[in-house]
Amino acid sequence: MNIYVGNLNYSVKEEDLNELFSEYGEVVSVKLIKDRETGRAKGFAFVEMTNDDEATKAIENLDGSDLEGRNMKVNQAKPREPRTPRY
């Protein structure tokens, strides 16, 4: 399951999220989203976990919890909508 993690402190690293979510099960990947131009974190990430039950437990336990002074928003990621071309 792919999990959206938002409202992150800009100092949070991928390793921090991997460690946090690993408490609930096997983490396949963590992708911290960064600004293309500045390289600075945008304040959200995606965590992929192998087991849906473990991912659901992580979502239930971590949504609204504090990480480095900010309450995380954690939920199942929605599929990305295709971009429409701009004319």
Protein backbone atom coordinates (compact mmCIF):
# COMPACT_ATOMS: atom_id res chain seq x y z
CA MET A 1 0.00 0.00 0.00
CA ASN A 2 1.19 3.49 -0.79
CA ILE A 3 0.76 5.96 2.09
CA TYR A 4 0.69 9.76 1.94
CA VAL A 5 2.42 11.52 4.83
CA GLY A 6 1.84 15.28 5.01
CA ASN A 7 2.46 18.29 7.26
CA LEU A 8 6.05 17.19 7.84
CA ASN A 9 8.69 19.35 9.42
CA TYR A 10 11.17 20.37 6.71
CA SER A 11 14.03 18.81 8.70
CA VAL A 12 12.51 15.28 8.56
CA LYS A 13 14.65 12.83 6.57
CA GLU A 14 13.66 9.68 4.65
CA GLU A 15 15.53 7.63 7.26
CA ASP A 16 13.32 9.10 10.02
CA LEU A 17 10.15 8.02 8.22
CA ASN A 18 11.56 4.60 7.39
CA GLU A 19 12.38 4.01 11.06
CA LEU A 20 8.97 5.27 12.21
CA PHE A 21 6.91 3.18 9.76
CA SER A 22 9.11 0.10 10.21
CA GLU A 23 7.65 -0.23 13.71
CA TYR A 24 4.41 -1.35 12.01
CA GLY A 25 5.80 -3.61 9.28
CA GLU A 26 8.06 -3.91 6.26
CA VAL A 27 8.73 -0.66 4.42
CA VAL A 28 9.48 -1.03 0.71
CA SER A 29 10.36 2.61 0.02
CA VAL A 30 10.19 6.16 1.34
CA LYS A 31 10.10 9.10 -1.07
CA LEU A 32 10.44 12.54 0.48
CA ILE A 33 9.22 15.06 -2.07
CA LYS A 34 11.61 17.93 -2.74
CA ASP A 35 11.44 21.14 -4.73
CA ARG A 36 13.13 20.65 -8.12
CA GLU A 37 14.85 24.04 -8.10
CA THR A 38 15.95 24.41 -4.48
CA GLY A 39 16.20 20.77 -3.37
CA ARG A 40 14.35 21.72 -0.18
CA ALA A 41 11.76 19.31 1.22
CA LYS A 42 8.16 20.26 0.42
CA GLY A 43 6.74 18.88 3.66
CA PHE A 44 5.24 15.64 2.42
CA ALA A 45 6.31 12.13 1.48
CA PHE A 46 5.09 8.75 0.28
CA VAL A 47 5.78 5.53 2.16
CA GLU A 48 5.18 2.16 0.51
CA MET A 49 4.56 -0.88 2.70
CA THR A 50 4.22 -4.50 1.55
CA ASN A 51 1.38 -5.61 3.83
CA ASP A 52 -1.95 -3.74 3.66
CA ASP A 53 -2.94 -4.71 7.22
CA GLU A 54 0.35 -3.35 8.59
CA ALA A 55 -0.03 -0.21 6.48
CA THR A 56 -3.56 0.33 7.78
CA LYS A 57 -2.33 -0.06 11.37
CA ALA A 58 0.44 2.49 10.69
CA ILE A 59 -2.09 4.95 9.24
CA GLU A 60 -4.45 4.53 12.22
CA ASN A 61 -1.65 5.00 14.76
CA LEU A 62 0.37 7.75 13.08
CA ASP A 63 -2.33 10.06 11.66
CA GLY A 64 -2.32 13.19 13.79
CA SER A 65 0.73 12.14 15.80
CA ASP A 66 3.60 14.53 16.50
CA LEU A 67 6.88 14.27 14.60
CA GLU A 68 9.44 16.99 15.30
CA GLY A 69 6.79 19.47 16.46
CA ARG A 70 4.21 18.96 13.70
CA ASN A 71 1.10 16.76 13.61
CA MET A 72 1.43 14.46 10.62
CA LYS A 73 -1.42 13.83 8.20
CA VAL A 74 -1.24 10.14 7.27
CA ASN A 75 -3.63 8.36 4.90
CA GLN A 76 -3.76 5.99 1.95
CA ALA A 77 -2.36 7.73 -1.11
CA LYS A 78 -4.80 8.32 -3.93
CA PRO A 79 -3.77 7.43 -7.48
CA ARG A 80 -2.28 10.36 -9.34
CA GLU A 81 -4.57 11.90 -11.92
CA PRO A 82 -3.09 12.31 -15.39
CA ARG A 83 -2.02 15.85 -16.19
CA THR A 84 -3.94 17.70 -18.82
CA PRO A 85 -1.77 19.55 -21.32
CA ARG A 86 -1.73 23.33 -21.13
CA TYR A 87 -2.24 25.15 -24.41
